[in-house]
Amino acid sequence: MPLLLIVLLLVVALIAYWHLVIAEGAYLGPRVVALLYDVVAGRYNRIKQFNPDDDAFFFGDPLVEWLAGVEQPRVLDVATGSGRVPLTLMANPSFRGTVAAVDRARLMLREAARTLTPHRDRVFISRQEGTRLAFGNEVFDAVCCLEALEFMPDPVGGLSECARVLKRGGVLMVTRRTGPWARWMPGRTPSREQFKAQVESLGLWDVKVQTWQIDYDLAWGVKMAEWGSEA
């Protein structure tokens, strides 16, 4: 085989690996991202090896504590995947609210529905785009979007949608990708300072960013200004 052809095939393989493995289809559009997640839906939780105790410590229990003063709080989980956020909330006996769980990946939603069957009277699952949420303004007491913004065609637009449907006084919980692979996703992985500024620009204040897991930062913010205005 000619050397030039070998080099060409190697380059194509590296580009394919970057698109499909490192970037997980982020630059190929939301349909490809959803397809890739649907392919692994049945074994997704085994691959990720979520630790329920860690999830409760880092976001479940603090979120329930934040919502303690809200009667029957309404939570939105954008890009819910296999239902990690609603499952964590439902495991906390102090949580008395409901969760709307949305995602584009059909088979991932099916996996979430299966896992959350015991809570189907309090968790409502629907297939939606994270950048075009089918809810009105200021509907939810809390909005979560974990490990997903970098896979949206417009991450800032996804953030804006999360802020739009959040009530004033409500809490927003979002993540940004970090770690060694983040540098291979240009335009999708802002610095911690840039990410904090993006969240604040949507009318949120008291924004705090903390290290979470190996490859993500977790940001919390409170919506006090009217959506679209400065805090």
Protein backbone atom coordinates (compact mmCIF):
# COMPACT_ATOMS: atom_id res chain seq x y z
CA MET A 1 0.00 0.00 0.00
CA PRO A 2 1.47 3.39 -0.96
CA LEU A 3 2.75 5.44 1.95
CA LEU A 4 0.58 8.42 0.97
CA LEU A 5 -2.56 6.28 1.16
CA ILE A 6 -1.55 4.97 4.59
CA VAL A 7 -1.02 8.52 5.83
CA LEU A 8 -4.37 9.60 4.37
CA LEU A 9 -6.20 6.73 6.05
CA LEU A 10 -4.49 7.52 9.34
CA VAL A 11 -5.54 11.17 9.12
CA VAL A 12 -9.14 10.17 8.34
CA ALA A 13 -9.14 7.74 11.28
CA LEU A 14 -7.80 10.42 13.64
CA ILE A 15 -10.42 12.93 12.48
CA ALA A 16 -13.17 10.34 12.92
CA TYR A 17 -11.86 9.49 16.39
CA TRP A 18 -11.85 13.16 17.36
CA HIS A 19 -15.39 13.74 16.08
CA LEU A 20 -16.99 10.58 17.45
CA VAL A 21 -15.01 9.79 20.62
CA ILE A 22 -13.34 12.92 21.98
CA ALA A 23 -15.99 15.46 20.89
CA GLU A 24 -18.83 12.89 21.02
CA GLY A 25 -20.38 14.29 17.85
CA ALA A 26 -20.57 17.87 19.15
CA TYR A 27 -19.39 19.39 15.85
CA LEU A 28 -21.57 17.11 13.72
CA GLY A 29 -24.88 18.40 15.04
CA PRO A 30 -27.41 17.42 17.74
CA ARG A 31 -28.77 14.49 15.73
CA VAL A 32 -25.37 12.80 15.72
CA VAL A 33 -24.87 13.51 19.43
CA ALA A 34 -28.26 11.94 20.22
CA LEU A 35 -27.48 8.96 17.97
CA LEU A 36 -24.16 8.29 19.70
CA TYR A 37 -25.81 8.38 23.10
CA ASP A 38 -28.64 6.15 21.94
CA VAL A 39 -26.08 3.58 20.78
CA VAL A 40 -24.79 3.19 24.36
CA ALA A 41 -28.06 3.87 26.19
CA GLY A 42 -28.44 0.33 27.54
CA ARG A 43 -24.98 0.32 29.12
CA TYR A 44 -24.52 4.05 29.72
CA ASN A 45 -24.76 3.85 33.51
CA ARG A 46 -22.25 1.00 33.63
CA ILE A 47 -19.84 3.00 31.47
CA LYS A 48 -20.11 6.16 33.57
CA GLN A 49 -20.15 4.30 36.91
CA PHE A 50 -22.02 7.04 38.75
CA ASN A 51 -21.60 7.12 42.50
CA PRO A 52 -25.01 7.87 44.10
CA ASP A 53 -23.38 9.09 47.31
CA ASP A 54 -21.20 11.57 45.40
CA ASP A 55 -24.19 12.82 43.40
CA ALA A 56 -26.17 13.32 46.61
CA PHE A 57 -23.27 15.17 48.26
CA PHE A 58 -22.35 17.46 45.37
CA PHE A 59 -25.74 18.42 43.94
CA GLY A 60 -28.68 16.39 45.25
CA ASP A 61 -28.66 17.29 48.94
CA PRO A 62 -27.59 20.95 48.43
CA LEU A 63 -30.36 21.41 45.85
CA VAL A 64 -32.99 19.87 48.13
CA GLU A 65 -31.78 22.09 50.98
CA TRP A 66 -32.01 25.14 48.73
CA LEU A 67 -35.60 24.25 47.80
CA ALA A 68 -36.65 23.50 51.39
CA GLY A 69 -38.65 26.71 51.64
CA VAL A 70 -40.54 26.12 48.38
CA GLU A 71 -43.82 24.24 48.58
CA GLN A 72 -43.88 21.49 45.94
CA PRO A 73 -40.88 22.81 43.97
CA ARG A 74 -40.65 22.25 40.24
CA VAL A 75 -37.25 21.22 38.87
CA LEU A 76 -36.16 20.98 35.22
CA ASP A 77 -33.32 18.68 34.22
CA VAL A 78 -32.06 19.57 30.73
CA ALA A 79 -30.25 16.76 28.89
CA THR A 80 -31.30 14.31 31.59
CA GLY A 81 -29.71 11.32 29.86
CA SER A 82 -30.50 8.23 31.91
CA GLY A 83 -32.23 10.29 34.60
CA ARG A 84 -29.34 10.87 36.96
CA VAL A 85 -30.60 14.15 38.46
CA PRO A 86 -34.25 13.15 39.04
CA LEU A 87 -33.14 9.80 40.48
CA THR A 88 -30.83 11.59 42.94
CA LEU A 89 -33.58 13.97 43.99
CA MET A 90 -36.15 11.20 44.41
CA ALA A 91 -33.74 9.31 46.67
CA ASN A 92 -33.84 12.21 49.13
CA PRO A 93 -36.93 11.84 51.37
CA SER A 94 -36.97 15.59 52.00
CA PHE A 95 -37.66 16.37 48.35
CA ARG A 96 -41.42 16.85 47.87
CA GLY A 97 -41.44 18.33 44.39
CA THR A 98 -41.64 17.21 40.78
CA VAL A 99 -39.05 16.98 38.03
CA ALA A 100 -39.39 17.57 34.29
CA ALA A 101 -36.65 15.57 32.56
CA VAL A 102 -35.89 16.38 28.91
CA ASP A 103 -33.40 15.06 26.37
CA ARG A 104 -33.11 14.66 22.61
CA ALA A 105 -31.83 11.07 22.68
CA ARG A 106 -34.87 8.80 22.44
CA LEU A 107 -33.28 5.61 23.81
CA MET A 108 -31.63 7.48 26.64
CA LEU A 109 -35.07 8.76 27.63
CA ARG A 110 -36.38 5.21 27.49
CA GLU A 111 -33.60 4.18 29.88
CA ALA A 112 -34.48 7.09 32.16
CA ALA A 113 -38.16 6.10 32.12
CA ARG A 114 -37.25 2.52 33.05
CA THR A 115 -35.00 3.62 35.92
CA LEU A 116 -37.55 6.13 37.20
CA THR A 117 -40.61 3.87 36.97
CA PRO A 118 -41.21 3.95 40.75
CA HIS A 119 -41.43 7.76 40.54
CA ARG A 120 -43.48 8.17 37.37
CA ASP A 121 -46.12 10.18 39.25
CA ARG A 122 -43.49 12.86 40.04
CA VAL A 123 -41.07 12.71 37.10
CA PHE A 124 -42.30 13.82 33.68
CA ILE A 125 -40.14 12.86 30.72
CA SER A 126 -40.24 14.45 27.27
CA ARG A 127 -38.06 14.62 24.17
CA GLN A 128 -36.85 18.19 23.62
CA GLU A 129 -33.90 20.21 22.35
CA GLY A 130 -31.94 21.89 25.09
CA THR A 131 -31.64 25.06 23.03
CA ARG A 132 -35.41 25.23 22.32
CA LEU A 133 -37.24 24.31 25.49
CA ALA A 134 -41.02 23.94 25.19
CA PHE A 135 -41.78 25.83 28.39
CA GLY A 136 -42.83 29.38 29.17
CA ASN A 137 -40.74 31.98 30.94
CA GLU A 138 -40.04 31.59 34.67
CA VAL A 139 -41.69 28.21 35.23
CA PHE A 140 -39.19 26.27 37.39
CA ASP A 141 -37.79 26.77 40.86
CA ALA A 142 -34.53 25.07 39.84
CA VAL A 143 -32.95 24.21 36.49
CA CYS A 144 -30.10 21.73 36.03
CA CYS A 145 -27.98 21.02 32.96
CA LEU A 146 -25.09 18.66 33.70
CA GLU A 147 -22.38 17.52 31.29
CA ALA A 148 -24.31 18.73 28.26
CA LEU A 149 -23.71 22.35 27.26
CA GLU A 150 -20.54 21.52 25.33
CA PHE A 151 -22.50 19.15 23.09
CA MET A 152 -25.10 21.74 22.10
CA PRO A 153 -24.61 23.63 18.81
CA ASP A 154 -24.92 26.87 20.79
CA PRO A 155 -23.79 26.39 24.42
CA VAL A 156 -24.52 30.02 25.35
CA GLY A 157 -27.97 29.66 23.79
CA GLY A 158 -28.52 26.57 25.92
CA LEU A 159 -27.53 28.53 29.01
CA SER A 160 -29.91 31.30 28.00
CA GLU A 161 -32.80 28.85 27.67
CA CYS A 162 -32.07 27.46 31.13
CA ALA A 163 -32.16 30.99 32.56
CA ARG A 164 -35.33 31.87 30.63
CA VAL A 165 -37.45 29.12 32.16
CA LEU A 166 -36.06 29.69 35.68
CA LYS A 167 -38.14 31.70 38.15
CA ARG A 168 -36.65 34.77 39.76
CA GLY A 169 -35.23 33.61 43.05
CA GLY A 170 -34.66 30.15 41.60
CA VAL A 171 -31.35 28.34 41.38
CA LEU A 172 -29.45 27.34 38.23
CA MET A 173 -26.99 24.43 38.29
CA VAL A 174 -24.81 23.92 35.19
CA THR A 175 -21.42 22.46 34.32
CA ARG A 176 -18.49 23.23 32.08
CA ARG A 177 -16.05 20.65 30.76
CA THR A 178 -12.47 20.74 32.03
CA GLY A 179 -9.60 18.27 32.04
CA PRO A 180 -7.11 17.25 29.34
CA TRP A 181 -9.70 16.66 26.62
CA ALA A 182 -11.38 20.06 27.01
CA ARG A 183 -8.69 21.73 24.88
CA TRP A 184 -9.78 19.51 21.98
CA MET A 185 -13.26 21.07 21.94
CA PRO A 186 -12.58 24.66 20.77
CA GLY A 187 -15.46 27.08 21.22
CA ARG A 188 -17.26 24.70 23.60
CA THR A 189 -15.10 24.82 26.72
CA PRO A 190 -14.70 28.34 28.14
CA SER A 191 -12.33 29.05 30.99
CA ARG A 192 -13.72 29.08 34.51
CA GLU A 193 -13.73 32.89 34.49
CA GLN A 194 -15.47 33.04 31.11
CA PHE A 195 -18.06 30.49 32.19
CA LYS A 196 -18.83 32.39 35.38
CA ALA A 197 -19.22 35.59 33.38
CA GLN A 198 -21.57 33.87 30.92
CA VAL A 199 -23.82 32.72 33.75
CA GLU A 200 -23.77 36.13 35.43
CA SER A 201 -24.64 37.88 32.16
CA LEU A 202 -28.01 36.07 32.13
CA GLY A 203 -29.25 37.87 35.23
CA LEU A 204 -27.83 35.54 37.87
CA TRP A 205 -25.92 36.56 40.93
CA ASP A 206 -23.90 34.96 43.73
CA VAL A 207 -22.50 32.60 41.09
CA LYS A 208 -20.12 30.03 42.54
CA VAL A 209 -18.02 27.59 40.52
CA GLN A 210 -16.55 24.49 42.15
CA THR A 211 -14.52 21.55 40.92
CA TRP A 212 -16.74 18.54 40.32
CA GLN A 213 -15.58 15.08 39.35
CA ILE A 214 -12.50 14.86 37.14
CA ASP A 215 -13.53 16.62 33.96
CA TYR A 216 -16.12 19.20 35.03
CA ASP A 217 -16.75 22.34 37.04
CA LEU A 218 -20.15 22.79 38.67
CA ALA A 219 -21.63 26.29 38.77
CA TRP A 220 -24.49 27.52 40.96
CA GLY A 221 -26.31 30.81 40.52
CA VAL A 222 -29.48 32.54 41.70
CA LYS A 223 -31.77 34.36 39.28
CA MET A 224 -32.68 37.73 40.70
CA ALA A 225 -32.93 40.01 37.65
CA GLU A 226 -35.53 39.74 34.93
CA TRP A 227 -34.37 37.40 32.17
CA GLY A 228 -32.37 39.23 29.55
CA SER A 229 -31.31 42.10 31.81
CA GLU A 230 -28.15 42.58 33.77
CA ALA A 231 -27.94 41.46 37.38
